[in-house]
Structure formats: structure tokens, C-alpha cells
């Protein structure tokens, strides 16, 4: 798993990669290694952690503009404490986006500030 700021070009092709795509509200979207969008294989995953409806719409646009659903599996996760899981679920259902929702279980179990779990 990578935070998306480093290229995955040197990672062996048979390694399953989970690549974060930083949404604007993360404050880190400018540090993205955008070349990763063309380097994934069908067994890899892109993950968007969504902090708002604006982030969600931005993520949908990235998926659409780069045909990401045709390249690999797409995951959406709500930012703990900012987007309720049911809100994100409804946005996904309403958009009919071919994505999987996940919850950051470590934050649900140990809280948002616990490190190293």
C-alpha cells in the first residue's frame, strides 16, 4: 500500500498494489504521483479517502477522466469524523459508480489518533 506520492513503476508487476489517490481536502493532492494512474494492473486497487461531497465528486471525475474502473478495482472510504459511512454509501448508490466502499476499521476500533495499529 502506498500513499500515492511515490511512483509504483519499480514495484514488481505481480505485487498487488493499493494506491491512494489524495482528494483535495486532504491537502496532499498536489503531491500525487499521477503517473501511477497508467501503471496499475487489473489486480491492483486505487483508494480514495473522501472528506466531503466535493471530494467524492472530484474522485468520480478522476475515475471518469482516466477510465480507472477499466484498469483496476476502485475503493472509496469516508474520512473518520467528517463523512458518515451511510452518507458515502448513499453517494455511491446515487452515482451508480462501480466502486467498493470500505471503512477504515483501525479508526473505528482504536480511534482516529491511535498510531501503530
C-alpha atoms as a PDB file:
ATOM      1  CA  UNK A   1       0.000   0.000   0.000  1.00  0.00           C
ATOM      2  CA  UNK A   2       1.291   3.454  -0.893  1.00  0.00           C
ATOM      3  CA  UNK A   3       0.095   6.941  -0.074  1.00  0.00           C
ATOM      4  CA  UNK A   4       0.258   7.794  -3.767  1.00  0.00           C
ATOM      5  CA  UNK A   5       3.084  10.297  -3.638  1.00  0.00           C
ATOM      6  CA  UNK A   6       5.672   7.807  -4.928  1.00  0.00           C
ATOM      7  CA  UNK A   7       5.728   6.126  -8.302  1.00  0.00           C
ATOM      8  CA  UNK A   8       4.926   2.417  -8.400  1.00  0.00           C
ATOM      9  CA  UNK A   9       6.936   1.897 -11.604  1.00  0.00           C
ATOM     10  CA  UNK A  10       9.651  -0.126  -9.837  1.00  0.00           C
ATOM     11  CA  UNK A  11       7.253  -2.353  -7.883  1.00  0.00           C
ATOM     12  CA  UNK A  12       7.170  -5.841  -9.434  1.00  0.00           C
ATOM     13  CA  UNK A  13       4.121  -6.372 -11.651  1.00  0.00           C
ATOM     14  CA  UNK A  14       2.892  -9.415  -9.718  1.00  0.00           C
ATOM     15  CA  UNK A  15       2.725  -7.468  -6.418  1.00  0.00           C
ATOM     16  CA  UNK A  16      -0.812  -6.301  -5.608  1.00  0.00           C
ATOM     17  CA  UNK A  17      -0.664  -2.554  -5.094  1.00  0.00           C
ATOM     18  CA  UNK A  18      -3.193  -0.414  -3.199  1.00  0.00           C
ATOM     19  CA  UNK A  19      -2.543   3.166  -4.283  1.00  0.00           C
ATOM     20  CA  UNK A  20      -4.114   6.132  -2.501  1.00  0.00           C
ATOM     21  CA  UNK A  21      -5.279   8.996  -4.648  1.00  0.00           C
ATOM     22  CA  UNK A  22      -5.311  12.013  -2.379  1.00  0.00           C
ATOM     23  CA  UNK A  23      -8.504  14.076  -2.603  1.00  0.00           C
ATOM     24  CA  UNK A  24      -8.293  17.885  -2.407  1.00  0.00           C
ATOM     25  CA  UNK A  25      -9.462  18.176   1.209  1.00  0.00           C
ATOM     26  CA  UNK A  26      -6.543  16.001   2.327  1.00  0.00           C
ATOM     27  CA  UNK A  27      -4.249  18.898   1.468  1.00  0.00           C
ATOM     28  CA  UNK A  28      -1.976  16.385  -0.268  1.00  0.00           C
ATOM     29  CA  UNK A  29      -3.457  16.049  -3.759  1.00  0.00           C
ATOM     30  CA  UNK A  30      -0.688  18.206  -5.210  1.00  0.00           C
ATOM     31  CA  UNK A  31       1.919  15.653  -4.106  1.00  0.00           C
ATOM     32  CA  UNK A  32       0.333  12.806  -6.076  1.00  0.00           C
ATOM     33  CA  UNK A  33       2.452  10.753  -8.465  1.00  0.00           C
ATOM     34  CA  UNK A  34      -0.127  10.955 -11.255  1.00  0.00           C
ATOM     35  CA  UNK A  35       1.901   8.577 -13.445  1.00  0.00           C
ATOM     36  CA  UNK A  36       0.539   5.793 -11.207  1.00  0.00           C
ATOM     37  CA  UNK A  37      -2.811   6.098 -12.993  1.00  0.00           C
ATOM     38  CA  UNK A  38      -1.269   4.413 -16.016  1.00  0.00           C
ATOM     39  CA  UNK A  39       0.908   1.898 -14.150  1.00  0.00           C
ATOM     40  CA  UNK A  40      -1.683  -0.276 -12.413  1.00  0.00           C
ATOM     41  CA  UNK A  41      -2.667  -3.824 -13.356  1.00  0.00           C
ATOM     42  CA  UNK A  42      -6.161  -5.359 -13.040  1.00  0.00           C
ATOM     43  CA  UNK A  43      -5.291  -6.929  -9.655  1.00  0.00           C
ATOM     44  CA  UNK A  44      -4.292  -3.545  -8.164  1.00  0.00           C
ATOM     45  CA  UNK A  45      -6.546  -1.045  -6.391  1.00  0.00           C
ATOM     46  CA  UNK A  46      -6.942   2.708  -6.241  1.00  0.00           C
ATOM     47  CA  UNK A  47      -8.269   4.091  -2.964  1.00  0.00           C
ATOM     48  CA  UNK A  48      -9.941   7.460  -2.415  1.00  0.00           C
ATOM     49  CA  UNK A  49     -10.425   8.655   1.186  1.00  0.00           C
ATOM     50  CA  UNK A  50     -13.317  11.103   0.970  1.00  0.00           C
ATOM     51  CA  UNK A  51     -13.763  14.053   3.391  1.00  0.00           C
ATOM     52  CA  UNK A  52     -16.806  15.711   1.760  1.00  0.00           C
ATOM     53  CA  UNK A  53     -19.271  15.578  -1.110  1.00  0.00           C
ATOM     54  CA  UNK A  54     -16.866  17.817  -3.047  1.00  0.00           C
ATOM     55  CA  UNK A  55     -14.088  15.225  -2.559  1.00  0.00           C
ATOM     56  CA  UNK A  56     -16.485  12.488  -3.671  1.00  0.00           C
ATOM     57  CA  UNK A  57     -17.415  14.376  -6.837  1.00  0.00           C
ATOM     58  CA  UNK A  58     -13.729  15.083  -7.524  1.00  0.00           C
ATOM     59  CA  UNK A  59     -12.920  11.370  -7.128  1.00  0.00           C
ATOM     60  CA  UNK A  60     -15.728  10.442  -9.528  1.00  0.00           C
ATOM     61  CA  UNK A  61     -14.250  12.880 -12.036  1.00  0.00           C
ATOM     62  CA  UNK A  62     -10.761  11.386 -11.711  1.00  0.00           C
ATOM     63  CA  UNK A  63     -12.202   7.898 -12.229  1.00  0.00           C
ATOM     64  CA  UNK A  64     -14.196   9.039 -15.256  1.00  0.00           C
ATOM     65  CA  UNK A  65     -11.465  11.160 -16.844  1.00  0.00           C
ATOM     66  CA  UNK A  66      -8.875   8.374 -16.566  1.00  0.00           C
ATOM     67  CA  UNK A  67     -11.204   5.358 -17.068  1.00  0.00           C
ATOM     68  CA  UNK A  68      -9.926   3.926 -13.798  1.00  0.00           C
ATOM     69  CA  UNK A  69     -12.783   1.419 -13.453  1.00  0.00           C
ATOM     70  CA  UNK A  70     -11.470  -0.249 -16.609  1.00  0.00           C
ATOM     71  CA  UNK A  71      -7.928  -0.525 -15.192  1.00  0.00           C
ATOM     72  CA  UNK A  72      -8.387  -1.897 -11.677  1.00  0.00           C
ATOM     73  CA  UNK A  73     -10.632  -2.047  -8.629  1.00  0.00           C
ATOM     74  CA  UNK A  74     -11.677   1.264  -7.015  1.00  0.00           C
ATOM     75  CA  UNK A  75     -12.195   1.749  -3.271  1.00  0.00           C
ATOM     76  CA  UNK A  76     -13.866   4.691  -1.520  1.00  0.00           C
ATOM     77  CA  UNK A  77     -13.536   5.253   2.214  1.00  0.00           C
ATOM     78  CA  UNK A  78     -15.025   8.020   4.403  1.00  0.00           C
ATOM     79  CA  UNK A  79     -12.694  10.220   6.448  1.00  0.00           C
ATOM     80  CA  UNK A  80     -13.416   9.276  10.054  1.00  0.00           C
ATOM     81  CA  UNK A  81     -15.364  12.044  11.779  1.00  0.00           C
ATOM     82  CA  UNK A  82     -16.022  14.034   8.591  1.00  0.00           C
ATOM     83  CA  UNK A  83     -18.235  11.827   6.422  1.00  0.00           C
ATOM     84  CA  UNK A  84     -20.610   9.326   7.967  1.00  0.00           C
ATOM     85  CA  UNK A  85     -20.428   5.881   6.375  1.00  0.00           C
ATOM     86  CA  UNK A  86     -24.121   5.997   5.430  1.00  0.00           C
ATOM     87  CA  UNK A  87     -23.579   9.328   3.634  1.00  0.00           C
ATOM     88  CA  UNK A  88     -20.809   7.893   1.478  1.00  0.00           C
ATOM     89  CA  UNK A  89     -22.865   4.761   0.837  1.00  0.00           C
ATOM     90  CA  UNK A  90     -25.762   6.905  -0.401  1.00  0.00           C
ATOM     91  CA  UNK A  91     -23.490   8.992  -2.650  1.00  0.00           C
ATOM     92  CA  UNK A  92     -22.079   5.817  -4.181  1.00  0.00           C
ATOM     93  CA  UNK A  93     -25.526   4.310  -4.715  1.00  0.00           C
ATOM     94  CA  UNK A  94     -26.906   7.543  -6.189  1.00  0.00           C
ATOM     95  CA  UNK A  95     -23.945   7.862  -8.570  1.00  0.00           C
ATOM     96  CA  UNK A  96     -24.114   4.194  -9.625  1.00  0.00           C
ATOM     97  CA  UNK A  97     -20.305   4.231  -9.583  1.00  0.00           C
ATOM     98  CA  UNK A  98     -18.769   0.747  -9.939  1.00  0.00           C
ATOM     99  CA  UNK A  99     -16.730   1.065  -6.743  1.00  0.00           C
ATOM    100  CA  UNK A 100     -16.417  -0.671  -3.390  1.00  0.00           C
ATOM    101  CA  UNK A 101     -16.905   1.180  -0.131  1.00  0.00           C
ATOM    102  CA  UNK A 102     -14.663   0.379   2.789  1.00  0.00           C
ATOM    103  CA  UNK A 103     -14.357   1.764   6.281  1.00  0.00           C
ATOM    104  CA  UNK A 104     -11.023   2.430   7.961  1.00  0.00           C
ATOM    105  CA  UNK A 105     -11.582  -0.217  10.633  1.00  0.00           C
ATOM    106  CA  UNK A 106      -8.495   0.723  12.627  1.00  0.00           C
ATOM    107  CA  UNK A 107     -10.019   4.161  13.229  1.00  0.00           C
ATOM    108  CA  UNK A 108     -13.392   2.703  14.202  1.00  0.00           C
ATOM    109  CA  UNK A 109     -11.808   0.225  16.616  1.00  0.00           C
ATOM    110  CA  UNK A 110      -8.960   2.243  18.178  1.00  0.00           C
ATOM    111  CA  UNK A 111      -9.996   5.806  17.351  1.00  0.00           C
ATOM    112  CA  UNK A 112      -8.610   8.323  14.881  1.00  0.00           C
ATOM    113  CA  UNK A 113      -5.485   9.281  16.834  1.00  0.00           C
ATOM    114  CA  UNK A 114      -4.029   5.862  17.693  1.00  0.00           C
ATOM    115  CA  UNK A 115      -0.793   5.140  15.821  1.00  0.00           C
ATOM    116  CA  UNK A 116       0.899   1.868  15.009  1.00  0.00           C
ATOM    117  CA  UNK A 117      -2.211  -0.307  14.938  1.00  0.00           C
END
